[in-house]
């Protein structure tokens, strides 16, 4: 499952995100994208069940001082 993650600060890097989402399943790919004012990430996780758990547990939650938005990606 591919997840779209937004609203995290520059304080989180690829290793931090891999560790965070790795709690739910095997992360098979992770990309950070820089927008004009925001940073986004695309996280590929090995199963739909793991992805849904990550969405349920992390969406709207604060991590490392930032509120995360996590949802299924359509990209």
N, C-alpha and C. Protein backbone atom coordinates (compact mmCIF):
# COMPACT_ATOMS: atom_id res chain seq x y z
N UNK A 1 0.85 -1.17 0.00
CA UNK A 1 0.00 0.00 0.00
C UNK A 1 0.89 1.23 0.00
N UNK A 2 0.50 2.22 -0.77
CA UNK A 2 1.24 3.47 -0.82
C UNK A 2 0.51 4.50 0.04
N UNK A 3 1.27 5.16 0.92
CA UNK A 3 0.72 6.15 1.82
C UNK A 3 1.25 7.53 1.47
N UNK A 4 0.41 8.54 1.64
CA UNK A 4 0.78 9.94 1.47
C UNK A 4 0.85 10.55 2.86
N UNK A 5 1.98 11.16 3.17
CA UNK A 5 2.20 11.74 4.50
C UNK A 5 2.50 13.22 4.30
N UNK A 6 1.80 14.06 5.05
CA UNK A 6 2.04 15.51 4.95
C UNK A 6 2.01 16.14 6.32
N UNK A 7 2.36 17.41 6.31
CA UNK A 7 2.35 18.25 7.51
C UNK A 7 3.37 17.82 8.57
N UNK A 8 4.47 17.23 8.12
CA UNK A 8 5.55 16.96 9.07
C UNK A 8 6.65 17.98 8.80
N UNK A 9 7.37 18.33 9.85
CA UNK A 9 8.39 19.36 9.71
C UNK A 9 9.67 18.83 9.10
N UNK A 10 10.57 19.72 8.84
CA UNK A 10 11.86 19.35 8.28
C UNK A 10 12.70 18.56 9.28
N UNK A 11 12.25 18.50 10.52
CA UNK A 11 13.01 17.77 11.53
C UNK A 11 12.95 16.26 11.30
N UNK A 12 11.97 15.78 10.54
CA UNK A 12 11.89 14.35 10.23
C UNK A 12 12.57 14.08 8.90
N UNK A 13 13.48 13.10 8.89
CA UNK A 13 14.15 12.74 7.65
C UNK A 13 13.73 11.33 7.23
N UNK A 14 14.36 10.82 6.19
CA UNK A 14 13.99 9.50 5.66
C UNK A 14 14.15 8.42 6.72
N UNK A 15 15.23 8.46 7.47
CA UNK A 15 15.46 7.44 8.51
C UNK A 15 14.37 7.48 9.58
N UNK A 16 13.98 8.70 9.99
CA UNK A 16 12.92 8.85 11.00
C UNK A 16 11.60 8.28 10.49
N UNK A 17 11.25 8.62 9.24
CA UNK A 17 9.99 8.14 8.68
C UNK A 17 10.02 6.63 8.47
N UNK A 18 11.16 6.10 8.03
CA UNK A 18 11.28 4.65 7.85
C UNK A 18 11.10 3.92 9.18
N UNK A 19 11.67 4.46 10.23
CA UNK A 19 11.51 3.85 11.55
C UNK A 19 10.08 3.95 12.04
N UNK A 20 9.46 5.10 11.84
CA UNK A 20 8.08 5.31 12.28
C UNK A 20 7.13 4.34 11.57
N UNK A 21 7.20 4.25 10.25
CA UNK A 21 6.29 3.39 9.51
C UNK A 21 6.72 1.92 9.56
N UNK A 22 7.99 1.68 9.85
CA UNK A 22 8.48 0.32 9.99
C UNK A 22 7.88 -0.41 11.18
N UNK A 23 7.28 0.32 12.10
CA UNK A 23 6.57 -0.31 13.23
C UNK A 23 5.33 -1.07 12.76
N UNK A 24 4.84 -0.72 11.58
CA UNK A 24 3.58 -1.29 11.09
C UNK A 24 3.79 -2.37 10.04
N UNK A 25 4.90 -2.33 9.36
CA UNK A 25 5.19 -3.30 8.31
C UNK A 25 6.50 -2.96 7.64
N UNK A 26 6.88 -3.76 6.67
CA UNK A 26 8.14 -3.51 5.97
C UNK A 26 7.95 -2.36 4.98
N UNK A 27 8.79 -1.34 5.13
CA UNK A 27 8.76 -0.20 4.21
C UNK A 27 9.58 -0.59 2.99
N UNK A 28 8.92 -0.61 1.82
CA UNK A 28 9.60 -1.04 0.60
C UNK A 28 10.14 0.13 -0.21
N UNK A 29 9.61 1.32 0.00
CA UNK A 29 10.11 2.53 -0.67
C UNK A 29 9.65 3.74 0.13
N UNK A 30 10.46 4.78 0.09
CA UNK A 30 10.11 6.00 0.80
C UNK A 30 10.76 7.16 0.06
N UNK A 31 9.96 8.15 -0.26
CA UNK A 31 10.43 9.34 -0.96
C UNK A 31 9.92 10.57 -0.25
N UNK A 32 10.78 11.56 -0.08
CA UNK A 32 10.37 12.85 0.47
C UNK A 32 10.34 13.85 -0.68
N UNK A 33 9.24 14.58 -0.77
CA UNK A 33 9.04 15.56 -1.82
C UNK A 33 8.96 16.95 -1.20
N UNK A 34 9.64 17.90 -1.76
CA UNK A 34 9.61 19.26 -1.26
C UNK A 34 8.67 20.10 -2.12
N UNK A 35 7.67 20.70 -1.50
CA UNK A 35 6.80 21.65 -2.18
C UNK A 35 7.30 23.05 -1.88
N UNK A 36 6.57 24.04 -2.31
CA UNK A 36 6.98 25.42 -2.05
C UNK A 36 6.94 25.75 -0.57
N UNK A 37 5.91 25.27 0.12
CA UNK A 37 5.77 25.61 1.53
C UNK A 37 5.68 24.38 2.43
N UNK A 38 5.58 23.20 1.85
CA UNK A 38 5.39 22.00 2.65
C UNK A 38 6.30 20.88 2.19
N UNK A 39 6.47 19.93 3.07
CA UNK A 39 7.21 18.72 2.76
C UNK A 39 6.24 17.55 2.83
N UNK A 40 6.33 16.67 1.84
CA UNK A 40 5.46 15.51 1.76
C UNK A 40 6.31 14.26 1.66
N UNK A 41 5.70 13.12 1.92
CA UNK A 41 6.40 11.86 1.72
C UNK A 41 5.44 10.84 1.12
N UNK A 42 6.00 9.96 0.33
CA UNK A 42 5.28 8.79 -0.17
C UNK A 42 5.96 7.59 0.45
N UNK A 43 5.18 6.79 1.15
CA UNK A 43 5.70 5.62 1.85
C UNK A 43 5.01 4.39 1.28
N UNK A 44 5.79 3.45 0.76
CA UNK A 44 5.25 2.16 0.32
C UNK A 44 5.47 1.17 1.45
N UNK A 45 4.39 0.56 1.89
CA UNK A 45 4.46 -0.41 2.99
C UNK A 45 3.95 -1.74 2.44
N UNK A 46 4.46 -2.84 2.93
CA UNK A 46 4.29 -4.15 2.29
C UNK A 46 2.89 -4.74 2.27
N UNK A 47 1.97 -4.26 3.07
CA UNK A 47 0.63 -4.85 3.04
C UNK A 47 -0.43 -3.80 3.30
N UNK A 48 -1.62 -4.08 2.79
CA UNK A 48 -2.75 -3.18 3.02
C UNK A 48 -3.12 -3.12 4.50
N UNK A 49 -3.03 -4.24 5.18
CA UNK A 49 -3.38 -4.27 6.61
C UNK A 49 -2.42 -3.37 7.39
N UNK A 50 -1.14 -3.46 7.11
CA UNK A 50 -0.15 -2.61 7.79
C UNK A 50 -0.40 -1.14 7.46
N UNK A 51 -0.71 -0.86 6.20
CA UNK A 51 -0.98 0.51 5.79
C UNK A 51 -2.19 1.08 6.49
N UNK A 52 -3.25 0.29 6.59
CA UNK A 52 -4.46 0.77 7.26
C UNK A 52 -4.21 1.01 8.75
N UNK A 53 -3.41 0.15 9.37
CA UNK A 53 -3.07 0.36 10.79
C UNK A 53 -2.27 1.64 10.97
N UNK A 54 -1.33 1.89 10.06
CA UNK A 54 -0.53 3.11 10.14
C UNK A 54 -1.42 4.34 9.99
N UNK A 55 -2.34 4.30 9.05
CA UNK A 55 -3.27 5.42 8.87
C UNK A 55 -4.09 5.63 10.14
N UNK A 56 -4.63 4.56 10.67
CA UNK A 56 -5.48 4.66 11.86
C UNK A 56 -4.70 5.21 13.05
N UNK A 57 -3.47 4.74 13.23
CA UNK A 57 -2.69 5.15 14.41
C UNK A 57 -2.01 6.51 14.27
N UNK A 58 -1.63 6.90 13.05
CA UNK A 58 -0.81 8.10 12.89
C UNK A 58 -1.53 9.32 12.35
N UNK A 59 -2.60 9.13 11.61
CA UNK A 59 -3.29 10.29 11.03
C UNK A 59 -3.86 11.18 12.12
N UNK A 60 -3.52 12.45 12.05
CA UNK A 60 -4.02 13.41 13.03
C UNK A 60 -3.31 13.36 14.36
N UNK A 61 -2.22 12.62 14.43
CA UNK A 61 -1.47 12.50 15.69
C UNK A 61 -0.21 13.34 15.63
N UNK A 62 0.28 13.72 16.78
CA UNK A 62 1.49 14.52 16.88
C UNK A 62 2.69 13.59 17.00
N UNK A 63 3.71 13.86 16.20
CA UNK A 63 4.96 13.09 16.26
C UNK A 63 6.12 14.06 16.07
N UNK A 64 7.07 14.03 16.97
CA UNK A 64 8.24 14.90 16.92
C UNK A 64 7.83 16.38 16.82
N UNK A 65 6.77 16.72 17.53
CA UNK A 65 6.32 18.11 17.58
C UNK A 65 5.48 18.55 16.39
N UNK A 66 5.14 17.64 15.48
CA UNK A 66 4.36 17.99 14.29
C UNK A 66 3.12 17.11 14.21
N UNK A 67 2.03 17.70 13.75
CA UNK A 67 0.81 16.94 13.51
C UNK A 67 0.93 16.27 12.15
N UNK A 68 0.74 14.97 12.09
CA UNK A 68 0.86 14.23 10.83
C UNK A 68 -0.49 14.06 10.17
N UNK A 69 -0.48 14.07 8.86
CA UNK A 69 -1.63 13.66 8.08
C UNK A 69 -1.17 12.46 7.26
N UNK A 70 -1.84 11.34 7.44
CA UNK A 70 -1.48 10.11 6.74
C UNK A 70 -2.73 9.55 6.09
N UNK A 71 -2.65 9.29 4.80
CA UNK A 71 -3.79 8.70 4.08
C UNK A 71 -3.27 7.86 2.93
N UNK A 72 -4.16 7.08 2.35
CA UNK A 72 -3.76 6.28 1.20
C UNK A 72 -3.48 7.20 0.02
N UNK A 73 -2.41 6.91 -0.67
CA UNK A 73 -2.02 7.74 -1.80
C UNK A 73 -2.71 7.27 -3.07
N UNK A 74 -3.05 8.20 -3.92
CA UNK A 74 -3.61 7.86 -5.24
C UNK A 74 -2.54 8.03 -6.31
N UNK A 75 -1.30 8.42 -5.91
CA UNK A 75 -0.20 8.58 -6.86
C UNK A 75 0.39 7.25 -7.19
